[in-house]
Amino acid sequence: MPPIAAGRLERLGAELERVRGDRATPPDASIAIPVNAQADLENVLAVLSDIARYRGKRTFEVVLVVNNYPADDPPDEIPAYAAAGMRVVSVPNVWRAGEAVCLSARVPGIRAAESERIILFDADCRIPEPTLLLDWYVDQFRSGARVAYTRVGHYDLRPLWSVRARMAAHHLSRWVKRVLLRIPTTRGSNYGVDRTAFMRAYEGGLLTDDLNVGPAVKAAGGRVVYAGAPRLQVLTSGRRFRGGWRKLARYLRYRLLYNVRVLRTRAGKRTQKPYHQKPLR
């Protein structure tokens, strides 16, 4: 790792250690972030920097799940992150048949976490107001929530009308599901979950994707909380949205069919075509 990057990592590790607080006591919550070694080893530094800006009174550990690399050639960043004081779980291949890779990649971090309260972000996320958001998550857990989530927006979107239409359709469909159909719309970029509730659903075969988490926990009697306040939103990368009306039409059809497939998941009957079902490259 270049000297400048190493110095940045060392400073970042020191800030995250401050956020972690006294290691003799469990943290108020654990933040688990999957890191695809083929794409996100540097991207994750931005969301870690956001977490390091936390200035509240709670404590949080960060668990990085570095995955998707050859077992005989692990990335240099794994020992570099660990040397900087970060918690790293390394798994060359997290993929499991019948599961979305994005969900599979979260499980090792959830298992390794010190806290029963798990907050989940992606490596390409940005957190505009980390103190407000992280304190909100802890407050929801303390009030009895088993799943909590807030609005997810996007950054780096192309200024095209087809992209704007896609985002409008995306948010409208989530509103319809959440408000009219009363279906929780958890997504991997940003949600919190009680570990026991998550693992019970996961080991029972009810989870194939992050989309299942809210509905599965709610069906089991767990309380699910949502907040749409702009200051609580998390941003995820929009770099993959290249625009085009035909692509928008294909996306709308795909998303409709995908939601129907995943939300029908029952115990022991995993969908055969979850989103990102194949190993990442």
C-alpha atoms as a PDB file:
ATOM      1  CA  MET A   1       0.000   0.000   0.000  1.00  0.00           C
ATOM      2  CA  PRO A   2       1.445   3.439  -0.910  1.00  0.00           C
ATOM      3  CA  PRO A   3       2.749   5.528   2.035  1.00  0.00           C
ATOM      4  CA  ILE A   4       0.010   8.190   1.699  1.00  0.00           C
ATOM      5  CA  ALA A   5      -2.731   5.569   1.687  1.00  0.00           C
ATOM      6  CA  ALA A   6      -1.103   3.801   4.624  1.00  0.00           C
ATOM      7  CA  GLY A   7      -0.971   7.057   6.579  1.00  0.00           C
ATOM      8  CA  ARG A   8      -4.607   7.746   5.824  1.00  0.00           C
ATOM      9  CA  LEU A   9      -5.525   4.256   6.927  1.00  0.00           C
ATOM     10  CA  GLU A  10      -3.621   4.685  10.192  1.00  0.00           C
ATOM     11  CA  ARG A  11      -5.441   7.942  10.974  1.00  0.00           C
ATOM     12  CA  LEU A  12      -8.744   6.374  10.026  1.00  0.00           C
ATOM     13  CA  GLY A  13      -8.055   3.402  12.274  1.00  0.00           C
ATOM     14  CA  ALA A  14      -7.353   5.754  15.187  1.00  0.00           C
ATOM     15  CA  GLU A  15     -10.674   7.558  14.657  1.00  0.00           C
ATOM     16  CA  LEU A  16     -12.597   4.293  14.435  1.00  0.00           C
ATOM     17  CA  GLU A  17     -10.912   3.192  17.663  1.00  0.00           C
ATOM     18  CA  ARG A  18     -12.307   6.330  19.296  1.00  0.00           C
ATOM     19  CA  VAL A  19     -15.768   5.445  17.975  1.00  0.00           C
ATOM     20  CA  ARG A  20     -15.350   1.912  19.338  1.00  0.00           C
ATOM     21  CA  GLY A  21     -14.602   3.135  22.853  1.00  0.00           C
ATOM     22  CA  ASP A  22     -13.569   0.898  25.734  1.00  0.00           C
ATOM     23  CA  ARG A  23     -12.968  -2.595  24.368  1.00  0.00           C
ATOM     24  CA  ALA A  24     -13.587  -4.090  27.791  1.00  0.00           C
ATOM     25  CA  THR A  25     -17.314  -3.496  27.249  1.00  0.00           C
ATOM     26  CA  PRO A  26     -19.514  -4.531  24.304  1.00  0.00           C
ATOM     27  CA  PRO A  27     -20.350  -1.794  21.788  1.00  0.00           C
ATOM     28  CA  ASP A  28     -23.844  -0.341  21.558  1.00  0.00           C
ATOM     29  CA  ALA A  29     -24.027  -1.741  18.019  1.00  0.00           C
ATOM     30  CA  SER A  30     -21.856  -3.446  15.426  1.00  0.00           C
ATOM     31  CA  ILE A  31     -21.560  -2.105  11.880  1.00  0.00           C
ATOM     32  CA  ALA A  32     -20.923  -4.852   9.313  1.00  0.00           C
ATOM     33  CA  ILE A  33     -19.760  -3.926   5.814  1.00  0.00           C
ATOM     34  CA  PRO A  34     -19.046  -6.452   3.030  1.00  0.00           C
ATOM     35  CA  VAL A  35     -16.042  -5.470   0.906  1.00  0.00           C
ATOM     36  CA  ASN A  36     -15.766  -6.995  -2.559  1.00  0.00           C
ATOM     37  CA  ALA A  37     -11.996  -7.314  -3.053  1.00  0.00           C
ATOM     38  CA  GLN A  38     -12.394  -6.863  -6.809  1.00  0.00           C
ATOM     39  CA  ALA A  39     -14.025  -3.439  -6.577  1.00  0.00           C
ATOM     40  CA  ASP A  40     -14.323  -1.912  -3.120  1.00  0.00           C
ATOM     41  CA  LEU A  41     -11.011  -2.109  -1.248  1.00  0.00           C
ATOM     42  CA  GLU A  42     -10.545   1.636  -1.730  1.00  0.00           C
ATOM     43  CA  ASN A  43     -14.212   2.594  -2.023  1.00  0.00           C
ATOM     44  CA  VAL A  44     -14.874   1.423   1.526  1.00  0.00           C
ATOM     45  CA  LEU A  45     -12.511   4.073   2.936  1.00  0.00           C
ATOM     46  CA  ALA A  46     -15.103   6.770   2.176  1.00  0.00           C
ATOM     47  CA  VAL A  47     -17.895   5.190   4.244  1.00  0.00           C
ATOM     48  CA  LEU A  48     -15.385   4.369   6.995  1.00  0.00           C
ATOM     49  CA  SER A  49     -14.437   8.048   7.027  1.00  0.00           C
ATOM     50  CA  ASP A  50     -18.109   8.931   7.414  1.00  0.00           C
ATOM     51  CA  ILE A  51     -18.453   6.563  10.383  1.00  0.00           C
ATOM     52  CA  ALA A  52     -15.286   8.070  11.883  1.00  0.00           C
ATOM     53  CA  ARG A  53     -17.071  11.452  11.937  1.00  0.00           C
ATOM     54  CA  TYR A  54     -19.434  10.126  14.612  1.00  0.00           C
ATOM     55  CA  ARG A  55     -19.461  12.454  17.624  1.00  0.00           C
ATOM     56  CA  GLY A  56     -22.150  10.966  19.843  1.00  0.00           C
ATOM     57  CA  LYS A  57     -21.974   9.133  23.170  1.00  0.00           C
ATOM     58  CA  ARG A  58     -22.651   5.620  21.876  1.00  0.00           C
ATOM     59  CA  THR A  59     -19.989   3.111  20.854  1.00  0.00           C
ATOM     60  CA  PHE A  60     -19.753   1.176  17.596  1.00  0.00           C
ATOM     61  CA  GLU A  61     -17.438  -1.479  16.261  1.00  0.00           C
ATOM     62  CA  VAL A  62     -16.877  -1.858  12.522  1.00  0.00           C
ATOM     63  CA  VAL A  63     -16.506  -5.327  10.996  1.00  0.00           C
ATOM     64  CA  LEU A  64     -15.228  -5.507   7.421  1.00  0.00           C
ATOM     65  CA  VAL A  65     -16.008  -8.722   5.540  1.00  0.00           C
ATOM     66  CA  VAL A  66     -13.390  -8.794   2.774  1.00  0.00           C
ATOM     67  CA  ASN A  67     -14.430 -11.368   0.189  1.00  0.00           C
ATOM     68  CA  ASN A  68     -14.192 -12.449  -3.452  1.00  0.00           C
ATOM     69  CA  TYR A  69     -10.465 -13.078  -3.912  1.00  0.00           C
ATOM     70  CA  PRO A  70      -8.267 -16.130  -4.656  1.00  0.00           C
ATOM     71  CA  ALA A  71      -7.631 -18.122  -1.507  1.00  0.00           C
ATOM     72  CA  ASP A  72      -3.923 -18.349  -2.326  1.00  0.00           C
ATOM     73  CA  ASP A  73      -3.576 -14.647  -3.100  1.00  0.00           C
ATOM     74  CA  PRO A  74      -5.354 -12.505  -0.474  1.00  0.00           C
ATOM     75  CA  PRO A  75      -5.215  -8.722  -0.989  1.00  0.00           C
ATOM     76  CA  ASP A  76      -2.589  -6.732   0.878  1.00  0.00           C
ATOM     77  CA  GLU A  77      -5.341  -4.563   2.325  1.00  0.00           C
ATOM     78  CA  ILE A  78      -6.448  -7.335   4.696  1.00  0.00           C
ATOM     79  CA  PRO A  79      -3.333  -7.148   6.937  1.00  0.00           C
ATOM     80  CA  ALA A  80      -3.145  -3.381   6.339  1.00  0.00           C
ATOM     81  CA  TYR A  81      -6.662  -2.859   7.686  1.00  0.00           C
ATOM     82  CA  ALA A  82      -5.938  -5.142  10.629  1.00  0.00           C
ATOM     83  CA  ALA A  83      -2.658  -3.344  11.399  1.00  0.00           C
ATOM     84  CA  ALA A  84      -4.591  -0.070  11.496  1.00  0.00           C
ATOM     85  CA  GLY A  85      -6.747  -1.546  14.251  1.00  0.00           C
ATOM     86  CA  MET A  86      -9.809  -2.460  12.201  1.00  0.00           C
ATOM     87  CA  ARG A  87     -11.794  -5.672  12.659  1.00  0.00           C
ATOM     88  CA  VAL A  88     -11.454  -7.762   9.497  1.00  0.00           C
ATOM     89  CA  VAL A  89     -13.143 -11.036   8.588  1.00  0.00           C
ATOM     90  CA  SER A  90     -11.652 -12.477   5.412  1.00  0.00           C
ATOM     91  CA  VAL A  91     -13.552 -15.019   3.323  1.00  0.00           C
ATOM     92  CA  PRO A  92     -12.283 -15.799  -0.199  1.00  0.00           C
ATOM     93  CA  ASN A  93     -15.685 -16.946  -1.473  1.00  0.00           C
ATOM     94  CA  VAL A  94     -18.939 -16.206   0.360  1.00  0.00           C
ATOM     95  CA  TRP A  95     -21.262 -17.387  -2.408  1.00  0.00           C
ATOM     96  CA  ARG A  96     -23.998 -19.884  -1.562  1.00  0.00           C
ATOM     97  CA  ALA A  97     -26.354 -21.396  -4.109  1.00  0.00           C
ATOM     98  CA  GLY A  98     -29.841 -19.930  -3.963  1.00  0.00           C
ATOM     99  CA  GLU A  99     -28.754 -16.761  -2.155  1.00  0.00           C
ATOM    100  CA  ALA A 100     -27.956 -13.285  -3.368  1.00  0.00           C
ATOM    101  CA  VAL A 101     -24.227 -12.730  -2.907  1.00  0.00           C
ATOM    102  CA  CYS A 102     -24.902  -9.406  -1.215  1.00  0.00           C
ATOM    103  CA  LEU A 103     -26.781 -11.232   1.559  1.00  0.00           C
ATOM    104  CA  SER A 104     -24.276 -14.075   1.846  1.00  0.00           C
ATOM    105  CA  ALA A 105     -21.456 -11.553   2.272  1.00  0.00           C
ATOM    106  CA  ARG A 106     -23.141 -10.028   5.325  1.00  0.00           C
ATOM    107  CA  VAL A 107     -23.520 -13.243   7.279  1.00  0.00           C
ATOM    108  CA  PRO A 108     -19.848 -13.687   8.364  1.00  0.00           C
ATOM    109  CA  GLY A 109     -19.827 -10.138   9.729  1.00  0.00           C
ATOM    110  CA  ILE A 110     -23.114 -10.653  11.552  1.00  0.00           C
ATOM    111  CA  ARG A 111     -21.797 -13.862  13.107  1.00  0.00           C
ATOM    112  CA  ALA A 112     -18.495 -12.226  14.162  1.00  0.00           C
ATOM    113  CA  ALA A 113     -20.038  -9.069  15.639  1.00  0.00           C
ATOM    114  CA  GLU A 114     -19.681  -8.385  19.347  1.00  0.00           C
ATOM    115  CA  SER A 115     -23.130  -6.820  19.620  1.00  0.00           C
ATOM    116  CA  GLU A 116     -26.585  -8.278  19.097  1.00  0.00           C
ATOM    117  CA  ARG A 117     -27.527  -5.005  17.383  1.00  0.00           C
ATOM    118  CA  ILE A 118     -26.295  -5.070  13.798  1.00  0.00           C
ATOM    119  CA  ILE A 119     -26.193  -2.098  11.411  1.00  0.00           C
ATOM    120  CA  LEU A 120     -25.549  -2.949   7.769  1.00  0.00           C
ATOM    121  CA  PHE A 121     -24.100  -0.698   5.066  1.00  0.00           C
ATOM    122  CA  ASP A 122     -22.437  -1.344   1.704  1.00  0.00           C
ATOM    123  CA  ALA A 123     -18.849  -0.437   0.845  1.00  0.00           C
ATOM    124  CA  ASP A 124     -19.933   2.224  -1.657  1.00  0.00           C
ATOM    125  CA  CYS A 125     -22.329   4.016   0.714  1.00  0.00           C
ATOM    126  CA  ARG A 126     -22.056   7.569   2.010  1.00  0.00           C
ATOM    127  CA  ILE A 127     -23.526   8.685   5.331  1.00  0.00           C
ATOM    128  CA  PRO A 128     -24.166  12.452   5.331  1.00  0.00           C
ATOM    129  CA  GLU A 129     -24.992  12.691   9.060  1.00  0.00           C
ATOM    130  CA  PRO A 130     -23.452   9.701  10.851  1.00  0.00           C
ATOM    131  CA  THR A 131     -24.044  10.905  14.428  1.00  0.00           C
ATOM    132  CA  LEU A 132     -27.756  11.444  13.849  1.00  0.00           C
ATOM    133  CA  LEU A 133     -28.203   8.176  11.950  1.00  0.00           C
ATOM    134  CA  LEU A 134     -26.217   5.873  14.213  1.00  0.00           C
ATOM    135  CA  ASP A 135     -27.842   7.282  17.365  1.00  0.00           C
ATOM    136  CA  TRP A 136     -31.250   6.782  15.688  1.00  0.00           C
ATOM    137  CA  TYR A 137     -30.465   3.120  15.100  1.00  0.00           C
ATOM    138  CA  VAL A 138     -29.477   2.549  18.725  1.00  0.00           C
ATOM    139  CA  ASP A 139     -32.598   4.359  19.921  1.00  0.00           C
ATOM    140  CA  GLN A 140     -34.797   2.092  17.772  1.00  0.00           C
ATOM    141  CA  PHE A 141     -33.119  -1.055  19.063  1.00  0.00           C
ATOM    142  CA  ARG A 142     -33.538   0.141  22.641  1.00  0.00           C
ATOM    143  CA  SER A 143     -37.225   0.813  22.054  1.00  0.00           C
ATOM    144  CA  GLY A 144     -37.781  -2.784  20.942  1.00  0.00           C
ATOM    145  CA  ALA A 145     -37.350  -2.700  17.159  1.00  0.00           C
ATOM    146  CA  ARG A 146     -36.036  -5.884  15.555  1.00  0.00           C
ATOM    147  CA  VAL A 147     -35.506  -4.271  12.146  1.00  0.00           C
ATOM    148  CA  ALA A 148     -34.982  -0.572  11.417  1.00  0.00           C
ATOM    149  CA  TYR A 149     -34.152   1.249   8.206  1.00  0.00           C
ATOM    150  CA  THR A 150     -34.172   4.698   6.638  1.00  0.00           C
ATOM    151  CA  ARG A 151     -34.392   6.196   3.177  1.00  0.00           C
ATOM    152  CA  VAL A 152     -31.669   5.327   0.650  1.00  0.00           C
ATOM    153  CA  GLY A 153     -30.750   7.952  -1.941  1.00  0.00           C
ATOM    154  CA  HIS A 154     -28.062   8.031  -4.619  1.00  0.00           C
ATOM    155  CA  TYR A 155     -24.966   9.995  -5.512  1.00  0.00           C
ATOM    156  CA  ASP A 156     -23.038  10.161  -8.813  1.00  0.00           C
ATOM    157  CA  LEU A 157     -26.211   9.838 -10.869  1.00  0.00           C
ATOM    158  CA  ARG A 158     -25.950  10.821 -14.530  1.00  0.00           C
ATOM    159  CA  PRO A 159     -28.027  13.938 -15.368  1.00  0.00           C
ATOM    160  CA  LEU A 160     -30.290  12.086 -17.825  1.00  0.00           C
ATOM    161  CA  TRP A 161     -34.083  12.042 -17.899  1.00  0.00           C
ATOM    162  CA  SER A 162     -34.157   8.248 -18.231  1.00  0.00           C
ATOM    163  CA  VAL A 163     -32.073   7.948 -15.063  1.00  0.00           C
ATOM    164  CA  ARG A 164     -34.352  10.402 -13.259  1.00  0.00           C
ATOM    165  CA  ALA A 165     -37.369   8.398 -14.386  1.00  0.00           C
ATOM    166  CA  ARG A 166     -35.756   5.213 -13.119  1.00  0.00           C
ATOM    167  CA  MET A 167     -35.129   6.756  -9.701  1.00  0.00           C
ATOM    168  CA  ALA A 168     -38.694   8.078  -9.548  1.00  0.00           C
ATOM    169  CA  ALA A 169     -40.084   4.631 -10.413  1.00  0.00           C
ATOM    170  CA  HIS A 170     -37.787   3.040  -7.846  1.00  0.00           C
ATOM    171  CA  HIS A 171     -38.886   5.308  -4.995  1.00  0.00           C
ATOM    172  CA  LEU A 172     -42.555   5.136  -5.999  1.00  0.00           C
ATOM    173  CA  SER A 173     -42.543   1.337  -5.997  1.00  0.00           C
ATOM    174  CA  ARG A 174     -40.892   1.277  -2.584  1.00  0.00           C
ATOM    175  CA  TRP A 175     -43.487   3.744  -1.262  1.00  0.00           C
ATOM    176  CA  VAL A 176     -46.335   1.593  -2.574  1.00  0.00           C
ATOM    177  CA  LYS A 177     -44.889  -1.533  -0.944  1.00  0.00           C
ATOM    178  CA  ARG A 178     -44.079   0.168   2.345  1.00  0.00           C
ATOM    179  CA  VAL A 179     -47.144   2.405   2.809  1.00  0.00           C
ATOM    180  CA  LEU A 180     -49.993   0.780   0.873  1.00  0.00           C
ATOM    181  CA  LEU A 181     -49.023  -2.904   1.078  1.00  0.00           C
ATOM    182  CA  ARG A 182     -47.328  -2.647   4.497  1.00  0.00           C
ATOM    183  CA  ILE A 183     -44.322  -4.604   3.247  1.00  0.00           C
ATOM    184  CA  PRO A 184     -40.974  -3.532   4.781  1.00  0.00           C
ATOM    185  CA  THR A 185     -38.530  -2.490   2.045  1.00  0.00           C
ATOM    186  CA  THR A 186     -35.168  -3.261   3.613  1.00  0.00           C
ATOM    187  CA  ARG A 187     -32.191  -3.082   1.290  1.00  0.00           C
ATOM    188  CA  GLY A 188     -28.551  -3.860   1.881  1.00  0.00           C
ATOM    189  CA  SER A 189     -27.282  -0.322   1.607  1.00  0.00           C
ATOM    190  CA  ASN A 190     -28.797   0.637   4.938  1.00  0.00           C
ATOM    191  CA  TYR A 191     -30.681  -1.260   7.635  1.00  0.00           C
ATOM    192  CA  GLY A 192     -30.317  -2.508  11.184  1.00  0.00           C
ATOM    193  CA  VAL A 193     -31.397  -5.880  12.503  1.00  0.00           C
ATOM    194  CA  ASP A 194     -31.395  -7.845  15.733  1.00  0.00           C
ATOM    195  CA  ARG A 195     -28.887 -10.661  15.238  1.00  0.00           C
ATOM    196  CA  THR A 196     -31.017 -13.362  16.853  1.00  0.00           C
ATOM    197  CA  ALA A 197     -34.009 -12.448  14.690  1.00  0.00           C
ATOM    198  CA  PHE A 198     -31.842 -12.383  11.557  1.00  0.00           C
ATOM    199  CA  MET A 199     -30.138 -15.711  12.223  1.00  0.00           C
ATOM    200  CA  ARG A 200     -33.417 -17.411  13.105  1.00  0.00           C
ATOM    201  CA  ALA A 201     -34.873 -16.384   9.745  1.00  0.00           C
ATOM    202  CA  TYR A 202     -31.653 -17.121   7.863  1.00  0.00           C
ATOM    203  CA  GLU A 203     -31.133 -20.584   9.333  1.00  0.00           C
ATOM    204  CA  GLY A 204     -34.822 -21.299   8.766  1.00  0.00           C
ATOM    205  CA  GLY A 205     -34.336 -20.789   5.027  1.00  0.00           C
ATOM    206  CA  LEU A 206     -36.478 -17.644   4.876  1.00  0.00           C
ATOM    207  CA  LEU A 207     -33.800 -15.294   3.575  1.00  0.00           C
ATOM    208  CA  THR A 208     -32.389 -15.209   0.073  1.00  0.00           C
ATOM    209  CA  ASP A 209     -31.830 -11.447  -0.184  1.00  0.00           C
ATOM    210  CA  ASP A 210     -31.854  -8.317   1.979  1.00  0.00           C
ATOM    211  CA  LEU A 211     -35.331  -7.690   0.588  1.00  0.00           C
ATOM    212  CA  ASN A 212     -36.606 -10.662   2.620  1.00  0.00           C
ATOM    213  CA  VAL A 213     -35.259  -9.503   5.972  1.00  0.00           C
ATOM    214  CA  GLY A 214     -37.935  -6.981   6.932  1.00  0.00           C
ATOM    215  CA  PRO A 215     -40.901  -9.115   5.827  1.00  0.00           C
ATOM    216  CA  ALA A 216     -39.493 -12.277   7.463  1.00  0.00           C
ATOM    217  CA  VAL A 217     -38.867 -10.595  10.824  1.00  0.00           C
ATOM    218  CA  LYS A 218     -42.255  -8.852  10.708  1.00  0.00           C
ATOM    219  CA  ALA A 219     -44.012 -12.155   9.937  1.00  0.00           C
ATOM    220  CA  ALA A 220     -42.335 -13.648  13.021  1.00  0.00           C
ATOM    221  CA  GLY A 221     -43.799 -10.894  15.196  1.00  0.00           C
ATOM    222  CA  GLY A 222     -40.799  -8.571  15.243  1.00  0.00           C
ATOM    223  CA  ARG A 223     -41.279  -4.813  15.209  1.00  0.00           C
ATOM    224  CA  VAL A 224     -40.056  -3.037  12.058  1.00  0.00           C
ATOM    225  CA  VAL A 225     -39.387   0.726  12.034  1.00  0.00           C
ATOM    226  CA  TYR A 226     -38.814   3.073   9.099  1.00  0.00           C
ATOM    227  CA  ALA A 227     -37.780   6.752   8.984  1.00  0.00           C
ATOM    228  CA  GLY A 228     -37.905   8.805   5.796  1.00  0.00           C
ATOM    229  CA  ALA A 229     -36.356  11.983   7.225  1.00  0.00           C
ATOM    230  CA  PRO A 230     -33.859  13.452   4.724  1.00  0.00           C
ATOM    231  CA  ARG A 231     -31.197  13.906   7.397  1.00  0.00           C
ATOM    232  CA  LEU A 232     -31.317  10.186   8.177  1.00  0.00           C
ATOM    233  CA  GLN A 233     -30.867   8.965   4.623  1.00  0.00           C
ATOM    234  CA  VAL A 234     -27.884   6.996   3.368  1.00  0.00           C
ATOM    235  CA  LEU A 235     -26.570   7.481  -0.163  1.00  0.00           C
ATOM    236  CA  THR A 236     -25.474   4.644  -2.411  1.00  0.00           C
ATOM    237  CA  SER A 237     -23.578   4.848  -5.671  1.00  0.00           C
ATOM    238  CA  GLY A 238     -25.547   5.462  -8.858  1.00  0.00           C
ATOM    239  CA  ARG A 239     -22.556   4.943 -11.130  1.00  0.00           C
ATOM    240  CA  ARG A 240     -23.977   1.793 -12.727  1.00  0.00           C
ATOM    241  CA  PHE A 241     -27.098   3.588 -14.011  1.00  0.00           C
ATOM    242  CA  ARG A 242     -26.076   4.587 -17.534  1.00  0.00           C
ATOM    243  CA  GLY A 243     -29.452   5.712 -18.792  1.00  0.00           C
ATOM    244  CA  GLY A 244     -31.567   4.763 -21.804  1.00  0.00           C
ATOM    245  CA  TRP A 245     -35.330   4.293 -22.123  1.00  0.00           C
ATOM    246  CA  ARG A 246     -35.071   0.680 -23.261  1.00  0.00           C
ATOM    247  CA  LYS A 247     -32.921  -0.105 -20.260  1.00  0.00           C
ATOM    248  CA  LEU A 248     -35.523   1.567 -18.067  1.00  0.00           C
ATOM    249  CA  ALA A 249     -38.290  -0.618 -19.534  1.00  0.00           C
ATOM    250  CA  ARG A 250     -36.203  -3.761 -18.994  1.00  0.00           C
ATOM    251  CA  TYR A 251     -35.419  -2.649 -15.448  1.00  0.00           C
ATOM    252  CA  LEU A 252     -39.089  -2.107 -14.570  1.00  0.00           C
ATOM    253  CA  ARG A 253     -40.052  -5.532 -15.885  1.00  0.00           C
ATOM    254  CA  TYR A 254     -37.138  -7.217 -14.148  1.00  0.00           C
ATOM    255  CA  ARG A 255     -37.802  -5.461 -10.841  1.00  0.00           C
ATOM    256  CA  LEU A 256     -41.464  -6.429 -10.837  1.00  0.00           C
ATOM    257  CA  LEU A 257     -40.722 -10.100 -11.506  1.00  0.00           C
ATOM    258  CA  TYR A 258     -37.847 -10.093  -9.020  1.00  0.00           C
ATOM    259  CA  ASN A 259     -40.000  -8.737  -6.207  1.00  0.00           C
ATOM    260  CA  VAL A 260     -42.653 -11.343  -6.897  1.00  0.00           C
ATOM    261  CA  ARG A 261     -40.055 -14.156  -6.794  1.00  0.00           C
ATOM    262  CA  VAL A 262     -38.211 -13.063  -3.676  1.00  0.00           C
ATOM    263  CA  LEU A 263     -41.210 -12.094  -1.586  1.00  0.00           C
ATOM    264  CA  ARG A 264     -42.690 -15.565  -2.162  1.00  0.00           C
ATOM    265  CA  THR A 265     -39.738 -17.238  -0.430  1.00  0.00           C
ATOM    266  CA  ARG A 266     -40.824 -19.798   2.156  1.00  0.00           C
ATOM    267  CA  ALA A 267     -38.804 -21.819   4.637  1.00  0.00           C
ATOM    268  CA  GLY A 268     -36.705 -24.442   2.919  1.00  0.00           C
ATOM    269  CA  LYS A 269     -37.747 -23.227  -0.535  1.00  0.00           C
ATOM    270  CA  ARG A 270     -35.145 -20.729  -1.759  1.00  0.00           C
ATOM    271  CA  THR A 271     -35.652 -18.915  -5.048  1.00  0.00           C
ATOM    272  CA  GLN A 272     -33.370 -20.198  -7.777  1.00  0.00           C
ATOM    273  CA  LYS A 273     -32.775 -16.762  -9.289  1.00  0.00           C
ATOM    274  CA  PRO A 274     -32.093 -14.172  -6.590  1.00  0.00           C
ATOM    275  CA  TYR A 275     -30.469 -10.860  -7.462  1.00  0.00           C
ATOM    276  CA  HIS A 276     -26.671 -11.190  -7.813  1.00  0.00           C
ATOM    277  CA  GLN A 277     -27.025 -14.957  -7.397  1.00  0.00           C
ATOM    278  CA  LYS A 278     -23.655 -15.744  -9.001  1.00  0.00           C
ATOM    279  CA  PRO A 279     -20.220 -15.140  -7.494  1.00  0.00           C
ATOM    280  CA  LEU A 280     -19.040 -11.581  -8.083  1.00  0.00           C
ATOM    281  CA  ARG A 281     -16.162 -10.859 -10.443  1.00  0.00           C
END
